[in-house]
Structure formats: structure tokens, C-alpha cells
C-alpha atoms as a PDB file:
ATOM      1  CA  MET A   1     -51.892  43.890   8.995  1.00  0.00           C
ATOM      2  CA  ARG A   2     -55.415  43.112   7.832  1.00  0.00           C
ATOM      3  CA  PHE A   3     -57.117  39.779   8.293  1.00  0.00           C
ATOM      4  CA  ASP A   4     -57.660  38.047   4.974  1.00  0.00           C
ATOM      5  CA  SER A   5     -61.240  37.044   5.804  1.00  0.00           C
ATOM      6  CA  PRO A   6     -63.916  38.223   8.259  1.00  0.00           C
ATOM      7  CA  LEU A   7     -63.393  36.839  11.763  1.00  0.00           C
ATOM      8  CA  VAL A   8     -65.951  34.539  13.363  1.00  0.00           C
ATOM      9  CA  ARG A   9     -67.027  34.855  16.992  1.00  0.00           C
ATOM     10  CA  ALA A  10     -66.896  31.902  19.392  1.00  0.00           C
ATOM     11  CA  THR A  11     -66.739  31.129  23.116  1.00  0.00           C
ATOM     12  CA  LEU A  12     -63.706  29.394  24.605  1.00  0.00           C
ATOM     13  CA  ILE A  13     -64.273  25.998  26.196  1.00  0.00           C
ATOM     14  CA  ARG A  14     -60.640  25.168  26.972  1.00  0.00           C
ATOM     15  CA  ARG A  15     -57.081  25.545  25.722  1.00  0.00           C
ATOM     16  CA  TYR A  16     -54.853  22.437  25.854  1.00  0.00           C
ATOM     17  CA  LYS A  17     -51.760  20.731  24.408  1.00  0.00           C
ATOM     18  CA  ARG A  18     -50.256  24.197  23.784  1.00  0.00           C
ATOM     19  CA  PHE A  19     -51.541  24.584  20.234  1.00  0.00           C
ATOM     20  CA  LEU A  20     -55.161  23.449  20.523  1.00  0.00           C
ATOM     21  CA  ALA A  21     -58.358  24.953  21.868  1.00  0.00           C
ATOM     22  CA  ASP A  22     -61.977  23.848  21.929  1.00  0.00           C
ATOM     23  CA  VAL A  23     -64.585  26.530  21.280  1.00  0.00           C
ATOM     24  CA  VAL A  24     -68.299  26.731  20.662  1.00  0.00           C
ATOM     25  CA  LEU A  25     -69.557  28.789  17.742  1.00  0.00           C
ATOM     26  CA  ASP A  26     -72.613  31.021  18.034  1.00  0.00           C
ATOM     27  CA  SER A  27     -74.486  28.304  16.114  1.00  0.00           C
ATOM     28  CA  GLY A  28     -73.850  25.910  19.017  1.00  0.00           C
ATOM     29  CA  GLU A  29     -71.327  23.789  17.130  1.00  0.00           C
ATOM     30  CA  GLU A  30     -68.233  22.762  19.116  1.00  0.00           C
ATOM     31  CA  ILE A  31     -64.964  22.696  17.175  1.00  0.00           C
ATOM     32  CA  THR A  32     -61.223  22.380  17.807  1.00  0.00           C
ATOM     33  CA  VAL A  33     -59.094  25.261  16.540  1.00  0.00           C
ATOM     34  CA  HIS A  34     -55.380  25.857  16.055  1.00  0.00           C
ATOM     35  CA  LEU A  35     -53.575  28.238  18.427  1.00  0.00           C
ATOM     36  CA  ALA A  36     -50.235  29.638  17.271  1.00  0.00           C
ATOM     37  CA  ASN A  37     -49.013  30.298  20.808  1.00  0.00           C
ATOM     38  CA  SER A  38     -46.810  28.101  22.988  1.00  0.00           C
ATOM     39  CA  GLY A  39     -46.878  30.386  26.044  1.00  0.00           C
ATOM     40  CA  ALA A  40     -48.840  30.068  29.263  1.00  0.00           C
ATOM     41  CA  MET A  41     -51.431  32.666  28.095  1.00  0.00           C
ATOM     42  CA  LEU A  42     -52.083  33.847  31.636  1.00  0.00           C
ATOM     43  CA  GLY A  43     -55.296  35.844  31.756  1.00  0.00           C
ATOM     44  CA  THR A  44     -56.152  35.253  28.121  1.00  0.00           C
ATOM     45  CA  ALA A  45     -57.388  31.654  28.048  1.00  0.00           C
ATOM     46  CA  THR A  46     -60.103  31.463  30.692  1.00  0.00           C
ATOM     47  CA  PRO A  47     -63.063  29.237  29.752  1.00  0.00           C
ATOM     48  CA  GLY A  48     -66.052  31.328  28.755  1.00  0.00           C
ATOM     49  CA  MET A  49     -64.052  34.142  27.162  1.00  0.00           C
ATOM     50  CA  GLU A  50     -65.201  35.600  23.849  1.00  0.00           C
ATOM     51  CA  VAL A  51     -62.722  34.683  21.096  1.00  0.00           C
ATOM     52  CA  TRP A  52     -62.430  35.442  17.399  1.00  0.00           C
ATOM     53  CA  LEU A  53     -61.357  32.978  14.695  1.00  0.00           C
ATOM     54  CA  SER A  54     -59.984  33.218  11.176  1.00  0.00           C
ATOM     55  CA  PRO A  55     -60.369  30.488   8.544  1.00  0.00           C
ATOM     56  CA  ALA A  56     -57.276  28.459   7.672  1.00  0.00           C
ATOM     57  CA  SER A  57     -55.690  29.506   4.379  1.00  0.00           C
ATOM     58  CA  ASN A  58     -55.168  25.846   3.422  1.00  0.00           C
ATOM     59  CA  PRO A  59     -58.581  24.254   2.807  1.00  0.00           C
ATOM     60  CA  ASP A  60     -57.048  20.788   3.228  1.00  0.00           C
ATOM     61  CA  ARG A  61     -55.767  21.443   6.748  1.00  0.00           C
ATOM     62  CA  LYS A  62     -57.321  19.274   9.451  1.00  0.00           C
ATOM     63  CA  LEU A  63     -58.060  22.218  11.756  1.00  0.00           C
ATOM     64  CA  LYS A  64     -60.100  24.681   9.721  1.00  0.00           C
ATOM     65  CA  TRP A  65     -59.863  27.660  12.083  1.00  0.00           C
ATOM     66  CA  ASN A  66     -57.184  29.751  13.811  1.00  0.00           C
ATOM     67  CA  TRP A  67     -57.661  31.530  17.130  1.00  0.00           C
ATOM     68  CA  GLU A  68     -56.733  35.182  16.553  1.00  0.00           C
ATOM     69  CA  LEU A  69     -58.203  37.415  19.272  1.00  0.00           C
ATOM     70  CA  VAL A  70     -59.723  37.222  22.727  1.00  0.00           C
ATOM     71  CA  SER A  71     -61.798  39.822  24.565  1.00  0.00           C
ATOM     72  CA  VAL A  72     -60.391  40.633  28.031  1.00  0.00           C
ATOM     73  CA  ASP A  73     -62.287  43.148  30.159  1.00  0.00           C
ATOM     74  CA  GLY A  74     -63.744  44.702  27.036  1.00  0.00           C
ATOM     75  CA  HIS A  75     -60.403  44.975  25.213  1.00  0.00           C
ATOM     76  CA  LEU A  76     -59.274  42.890  22.233  1.00  0.00           C
ATOM     77  CA  VAL A  77     -56.003  41.016  22.752  1.00  0.00           C
ATOM     78  CA  GLY A  78     -54.055  39.259  19.997  1.00  0.00           C
ATOM     79  CA  VAL A  79     -52.922  35.718  20.812  1.00  0.00           C
ATOM     80  CA  ASN A  80     -51.490  34.617  17.461  1.00  0.00           C
ATOM     81  CA  THR A  81     -47.700  34.791  17.819  1.00  0.00           C
ATOM     82  CA  ALA A  82     -47.207  34.333  14.075  1.00  0.00           C
ATOM     83  CA  HIS A  83     -48.181  37.975  13.468  1.00  0.00           C
ATOM     84  CA  PRO A  84     -45.713  40.219  15.397  1.00  0.00           C
ATOM     85  CA  ASN A  85     -42.769  39.847  12.983  1.00  0.00           C
ATOM     86  CA  ARG A  86     -44.993  40.815  10.064  1.00  0.00           C
ATOM     87  CA  ILE A  87     -46.519  43.732  11.972  1.00  0.00           C
ATOM     88  CA  VAL A  88     -43.126  45.121  13.011  1.00  0.00           C
ATOM     89  CA  ALA A  89     -41.614  44.625   9.540  1.00  0.00           C
ATOM     90  CA  GLN A  90     -44.470  46.563   7.971  1.00  0.00           C
ATOM     91  CA  ALA A  91     -44.238  49.288  10.618  1.00  0.00           C
ATOM     92  CA  VAL A  92     -40.495  49.676   9.969  1.00  0.00           C
ATOM     93  CA  ALA A  93     -41.093  49.850   6.211  1.00  0.00           C
ATOM     94  CA  ASP A  94     -43.751  52.530   6.783  1.00  0.00           C
ATOM     95  CA  GLY A  95     -41.508  54.557   9.098  1.00  0.00           C
ATOM     96  CA  LEU A  96     -43.794  54.088  12.104  1.00  0.00           C
ATOM     97  CA  ILE A  97     -41.019  53.113  14.538  1.00  0.00           C
ATOM     98  CA  PRO A  98     -38.745  56.178  14.833  1.00  0.00           C
ATOM     99  CA  GLU A  99     -35.980  54.181  16.518  1.00  0.00           C
ATOM    100  CA  LEU A 100     -35.678  51.974  13.421  1.00  0.00           C
ATOM    101  CA  THR A 101     -35.764  54.511  10.584  1.00  0.00           C
ATOM    102  CA  GLY A 102     -32.896  55.449   8.275  1.00  0.00           C
ATOM    103  CA  TYR A 103     -32.126  52.051   6.749  1.00  0.00           C
ATOM    104  CA  ASP A 104     -32.280  51.139   3.064  1.00  0.00           C
ATOM    105  CA  SER A 105     -33.259  47.485   3.293  1.00  0.00           C
ATOM    106  CA  ILE A 106     -35.091  45.043   5.521  1.00  0.00           C
ATOM    107  CA  ARG A 107     -34.352  41.331   5.479  1.00  0.00           C
ATOM    108  CA  ARG A 108     -36.203  38.710   7.496  1.00  0.00           C
ATOM    109  CA  GLU A 109     -35.065  35.426   9.037  1.00  0.00           C
ATOM    110  CA  VAL A 110     -31.342  35.952   8.410  1.00  0.00           C
ATOM    111  CA  LYS A 111     -29.036  33.333   9.934  1.00  0.00           C
ATOM    112  CA  TYR A 112     -26.807  34.607  12.735  1.00  0.00           C
ATOM    113  CA  GLY A 113     -25.535  33.802  16.224  1.00  0.00           C
ATOM    114  CA  ARG A 114     -25.664  30.282  17.589  1.00  0.00           C
ATOM    115  CA  ASN A 115     -27.791  28.478  15.019  1.00  0.00           C
ATOM    116  CA  SER A 116     -30.449  31.208  15.136  1.00  0.00           C
ATOM    117  CA  ARG A 117     -32.267  33.450  12.705  1.00  0.00           C
ATOM    118  CA  ILE A 118     -32.792  37.131  13.427  1.00  0.00           C
ATOM    119  CA  ASP A 119     -36.329  38.397  12.916  1.00  0.00           C
ATOM    120  CA  LEU A 120     -35.265  41.540  11.028  1.00  0.00           C
ATOM    121  CA  LEU A 121     -31.923  42.762   9.721  1.00  0.00           C
ATOM    122  CA  LEU A 122     -31.832  46.440   8.757  1.00  0.00           C
ATOM    123  CA  GLU A 123     -28.985  47.580   6.529  1.00  0.00           C
ATOM    124  CA  SER A 124     -27.605  50.785   5.045  1.00  0.00           C
ATOM    125  CA  PRO A 125     -24.144  51.561   3.622  1.00  0.00           C
ATOM    126  CA  ARG A 126     -24.083  54.671   5.814  1.00  0.00           C
ATOM    127  CA  ARG A 127     -24.393  52.983   9.211  1.00  0.00           C
ATOM    128  CA  PRO A 128     -23.787  49.700  11.069  1.00  0.00           C
ATOM    129  CA  LYS A 129     -26.153  46.789  10.603  1.00  0.00           C
ATOM    130  CA  CYS A 130     -29.135  46.699  12.940  1.00  0.00           C
ATOM    131  CA  TRP A 131     -30.227  43.294  14.259  1.00  0.00           C
ATOM    132  CA  VAL A 132     -33.838  43.312  15.467  1.00  0.00           C
ATOM    133  CA  GLU A 133     -35.427  40.610  17.600  1.00  0.00           C
ATOM    134  CA  VAL A 134     -39.218  40.747  18.041  1.00  0.00           C
ATOM    135  CA  LYS A 135     -41.093  39.256  21.004  1.00  0.00           C
ATOM    136  CA  ASN A 136     -44.844  38.927  21.280  1.00  0.00           C
ATOM    137  CA  VAL A 137     -46.389  40.217  24.522  1.00  0.00           C
ATOM    138  CA  HIS A 138     -49.956  39.677  25.698  1.00  0.00           C
ATOM    139  CA  LEU A 139     -49.580  39.203  29.463  1.00  0.00           C
ATOM    140  CA  LYS A 140     -50.935  42.097  31.535  1.00  0.00           C
ATOM    141  CA  ARG A 141     -50.751  42.358  35.339  1.00  0.00           C
ATOM    142  CA  GLY A 142     -51.963  45.571  36.906  1.00  0.00           C
ATOM    143  CA  GLU A 143     -51.246  48.304  34.375  1.00  0.00           C
ATOM    144  CA  TRP A 144     -48.107  46.574  33.096  1.00  0.00           C
ATOM    145  CA  ALA A 145     -47.512  44.560  29.966  1.00  0.00           C
ATOM    146  CA  GLU A 146     -45.055  41.826  30.929  1.00  0.00           C
ATOM    147  CA  PHE A 147     -42.786  39.321  29.204  1.00  0.00           C
ATOM    148  CA  PRO A 148     -42.343  36.396  29.350  1.00  0.00           C
ATOM    149  CA  ASP A 149     -45.460  34.548  30.498  1.00  0.00           C
ATOM    150  CA  ALA A 150     -43.468  31.299  30.835  1.00  0.00           C
ATOM    151  CA  VAL A 151     -39.787  30.402  31.220  1.00  0.00           C
ATOM    152  CA  THR A 152     -38.030  31.080  27.903  1.00  0.00           C
ATOM    153  CA  VAL A 153     -34.577  29.575  27.500  1.00  0.00           C
ATOM    154  CA  ARG A 154     -34.736  30.500  23.819  1.00  0.00           C
ATOM    155  CA  GLY A 155     -35.466  34.126  24.674  1.00  0.00           C
ATOM    156  CA  THR A 156     -32.460  34.298  26.998  1.00  0.00           C
ATOM    157  CA  LYS A 157     -30.291  32.839  24.228  1.00  0.00           C
ATOM    158  CA  HIS A 158     -31.488  35.528  21.840  1.00  0.00           C
ATOM    159  CA  LEU A 159     -30.442  38.271  24.269  1.00  0.00           C
ATOM    160  CA  ALA A 160     -26.940  36.791  24.454  1.00  0.00           C
ATOM    161  CA  GLU A 161     -26.754  36.751  20.656  1.00  0.00           C
ATOM    162  CA  LEU A 162     -27.817  40.385  20.467  1.00  0.00           C
ATOM    163  CA  ARG A 163     -25.061  41.279  22.929  1.00  0.00           C
ATOM    164  CA  ASP A 164     -22.595  39.529  20.601  1.00  0.00           C
ATOM    165  CA  MET A 165     -23.734  41.737  17.706  1.00  0.00           C
ATOM    166  CA  VAL A 166     -23.121  44.886  19.750  1.00  0.00           C
ATOM    167  CA  ALA A 167     -19.683  43.575  20.721  1.00  0.00           C
ATOM    168  CA  VAL A 168     -18.591  43.470  17.061  1.00  0.00           C
ATOM    169  CA  GLY A 169     -19.762  47.033  16.422  1.00  0.00           C
ATOM    170  CA  ASP A 170     -23.282  46.471  15.102  1.00  0.00           C
ATOM    171  CA  ARG A 171     -26.539  47.708  16.543  1.00  0.00           C
ATOM    172  CA  ALA A 172     -29.005  45.341  18.261  1.00  0.00           C
ATOM    173  CA  VAL A 173     -32.597  46.139  19.211  1.00  0.00           C
ATOM    174  CA  MET A 174     -35.076  44.094  21.224  1.00  0.00           C
ATOM    175  CA  VAL A 175     -38.654  44.955  20.214  1.00  0.00           C
ATOM    176  CA  TYR A 176     -41.502  43.933  22.511  1.00  0.00           C
ATOM    177  CA  LEU A 177     -44.778  44.090  20.608  1.00  0.00           C
ATOM    178  CA  VAL A 178     -47.773  44.171  22.927  1.00  0.00           C
ATOM    179  CA  GLN A 179     -50.825  42.769  21.161  1.00  0.00           C
ATOM    180  CA  ARG A 180     -53.181  44.868  23.253  1.00  0.00           C
ATOM    181  CA  ALA A 181     -53.727  48.582  23.914  1.00  0.00           C
ATOM    182  CA  ASP A 182     -54.721  48.692  27.597  1.00  0.00           C
ATOM    183  CA  CYS A 183     -51.282  48.870  29.266  1.00  0.00           C
ATOM    184  CA  ALA A 184     -49.397  51.869  30.694  1.00  0.00           C
ATOM    185  CA  GLY A 185     -45.870  50.443  30.631  1.00  0.00           C
ATOM    186  CA  PHE A 186     -43.723  47.374  30.055  1.00  0.00           C
ATOM    187  CA  ARG A 187     -41.586  45.341  32.432  1.00  0.00           C
ATOM    188  CA  THR A 188     -40.134  41.853  32.596  1.00  0.00           C
ATOM    189  CA  ALA A 189     -42.008  39.185  34.531  1.00  0.00           C
ATOM    190  CA  ALA A 190     -39.084  38.549  36.872  1.00  0.00           C
ATOM    191  CA  ASP A 191     -41.094  36.239  39.125  1.00  0.00           C
ATOM    192  CA  ILE A 192     -41.878  33.964  36.174  1.00  0.00           C
ATOM    193  CA  ASP A 193     -38.394  33.902  34.618  1.00  0.00           C
ATOM    194  CA  PRO A 194     -35.732  35.678  36.700  1.00  0.00           C
ATOM    195  CA  THR A 195     -32.992  34.414  34.370  1.00  0.00           C
ATOM    196  CA  TYR A 196     -34.527  36.218  31.424  1.00  0.00           C
ATOM    197  CA  ALA A 197     -35.142  39.365  33.474  1.00  0.00           C
ATOM    198  CA  ASN A 198     -31.499  39.498  34.546  1.00  0.00           C
ATOM    199  CA  ALA A 199     -30.331  38.727  31.000  1.00  0.00           C
ATOM    200  CA  LEU A 200     -32.241  41.729  29.655  1.00  0.00           C
ATOM    201  CA  ILE A 201     -30.709  44.045  32.262  1.00  0.00           C
ATOM    202  CA  GLU A 202     -27.226  42.785  31.363  1.00  0.00           C
ATOM    203  CA  ALA A 203     -27.910  43.063  27.630  1.00  0.00           C
ATOM    204  CA  MET A 204     -29.079  46.664  27.958  1.00  0.00           C
ATOM    205  CA  ARG A 205     -26.031  47.529  30.055  1.00  0.00           C
ATOM    206  CA  ASP A 206     -23.891  46.152  27.208  1.00  0.00           C
ATOM    207  CA  GLY A 207     -25.597  48.282  24.586  1.00  0.00           C
ATOM    208  CA  VAL A 208     -28.581  46.264  23.420  1.00  0.00           C
ATOM    209  CA  GLU A 209     -31.533  48.612  22.972  1.00  0.00           C
ATOM    210  CA  ALA A 210     -35.041  47.679  24.126  1.00  0.00           C
ATOM    211  CA  ILE A 211     -38.223  49.314  22.867  1.00  0.00           C
ATOM    212  CA  CYS A 212     -41.882  48.454  23.340  1.00  0.00           C
ATOM    213  CA  TYR A 213     -44.946  49.267  21.249  1.00  0.00           C
ATOM    214  CA  ILE A 214     -48.614  48.500  21.733  1.00  0.00           C
ATOM    215  CA  CYS A 215     -51.011  47.413  19.003  1.00  0.00           C
ATOM    216  CA  ARG A 216     -54.366  48.786  17.924  1.00  0.00           C
ATOM    217  CA  LEU A 217     -56.680  45.861  17.342  1.00  0.00           C
ATOM    218  CA  SER A 218     -60.011  45.526  15.599  1.00  0.00           C
ATOM    219  CA  LEU A 219     -61.925  42.746  13.908  1.00  0.00           C
ATOM    220  CA  ASP A 220     -60.444  43.998  10.628  1.00  0.00           C
ATOM    221  CA  GLY A 221     -56.771  43.789  11.560  1.00  0.00           C
ATOM    222  CA  ILE A 222     -53.869  44.718  13.832  1.00  0.00           C
ATOM    223  CA  VAL A 223     -51.632  47.766  13.456  1.00  0.00           C
ATOM    224  CA  ILE A 224     -48.834  49.156  15.563  1.00  0.00           C
ATOM    225  CA  GLY A 225     -49.693  51.891  18.046  1.00  0.00           C
ATOM    226  CA  GLY A 226     -47.653  54.078  20.370  1.00  0.00           C
ATOM    227  CA  ALA A 227     -44.560  53.343  22.438  1.00  0.00           C
ATOM    228  CA  LEU A 228     -44.667  52.217  26.067  1.00  0.00           C
ATOM    229  CA  PRO A 229     -42.090  53.144  28.719  1.00  0.00           C
ATOM    230  CA  ILE A 230     -39.896  50.259  29.836  1.00  0.00           C
ATOM    231  CA  SER A 231     -38.921  49.410  33.419  1.00  0.00           C
ATOM    232  CA  VAL A 232     -36.546  46.460  33.587  1.00  0.00           C
ATOM    233  CA  ASP A 233     -35.657  46.491  37.284  1.00  0.00           C
ATOM    234  CA  ARG A 234     -38.838  47.647  38.984  1.00  0.00           C
ATOM    235  CA  GLN A 235     -39.741  45.579  42.052  1.00  0.00           C
ATOM    236  CA  ARG A 236     -43.065  43.791  42.180  1.00  0.00           C
ATOM    237  CA  ASP A 237     -45.693  46.040  43.802  1.00  0.00           C
END
């Protein structure tokens, strides 16, 4: 995924009301930008951090800029949660996720489950349907990428729906896309949301697959990188 326009550097003043942030441009101008991220953003929204903005595609929109990246300890981290589905869909189409190859078609936002839409549905006449849920990850503690960074009732519901797909004979895959490249493994943030952590363990025991990939980020764009090992029941160090 390439950014449509060159990114602009700024310094974070504060993040607030979930979808808003105040920043100061290198020119000294203070502006409010849109943040497509409803999570807690632990470790990625500290005042004074270097951030990178993209211009809004709609020139009539009130907020003219989107917050895309933040620099954390010298590493770029993606904070825009609107991108992971697109990144994973493109990676699947390009054959970059071995676990998800061998299908003839990819459909996005297909209705299923309990009034939900699956992120990706992979289909082939030669094999069962594959239902793919994508979750954005940017929290890092120690060397671990962790999800979620806030309690996610919706995420727990999605795991239950994936289990239902396995129960009827289909395949279900949970993809954690880490929008950073400085982690050694993935685990659930059980201290933040123990319900979700337990739900993932139960889902995997019932046949739901879980995979995790990092991203390679630059000021030009974001592409999928290598796989990370997953530990779902590791105790906090």
C-alpha cells in the first residue's frame, strides 16, 4: 500500500476524543487532525512524538489531515486502522501470506455471523470457504506485539463467529497485522482484556487458526513483512 501523497511531518501535542489529535507543523502552525483509531494507543500517543500526516482525499472535509505514522524509539509505527484490511487483501492477492494461498477469489465485507461483516472471504470450488478476520496491532510491550490495547467486546464477538464457521465445516483464520517491525513475537494483552485472551485460546482449541505478520513501513507506504510466532497463554514476565 502506497500513500497517495507525500506525508508531512508534525509534532504531537495531544490525542483526545478518540478520533482527534492536535499537532504542530514544522512551520509552527497548530492544527487538529483526524485519527482513524479508537484504541487506547498505549505508547504511541505521547505528547512530543514525531508524527506523519497525509492530506484528506476530500478537499471539502473539515479536518484536512490524517494521522498516519508515529516514530517510536526510532521506528515507524502505523496508527491508521483503516489500512490493515487493504494491506492484507493485497498481500493475499499477491501470494505473500502462505497460509492463505490456493483460493480463486477474494471478497471483502461479506455479511455473516451475528449482524457482522467478515473482512475477507476466500473461496475456491476445490476447498471449503475461508473466513478471515483482520485485527490491527500497534501495542508493543517488551519485545512483544500485543492485542488488544483496550477492552474489545466486538473483538470477542468476532472470535465466537469464527468458531461458528469452523463448526459448519469452513475454515476460519484470525490475522493480526502488526503495523510496526520491531517486535519478536505476538501475544494477547491478557491483563488489559482477559475475556478476549481466553476467547482466543478457546477459538484456537476449536479450530480457528491465528497468524501474525509485521509490516515494513516507510514514508512512501506500508507493506506486509514476515510472520511472528504467537504465544496465546504465556504468563506476564
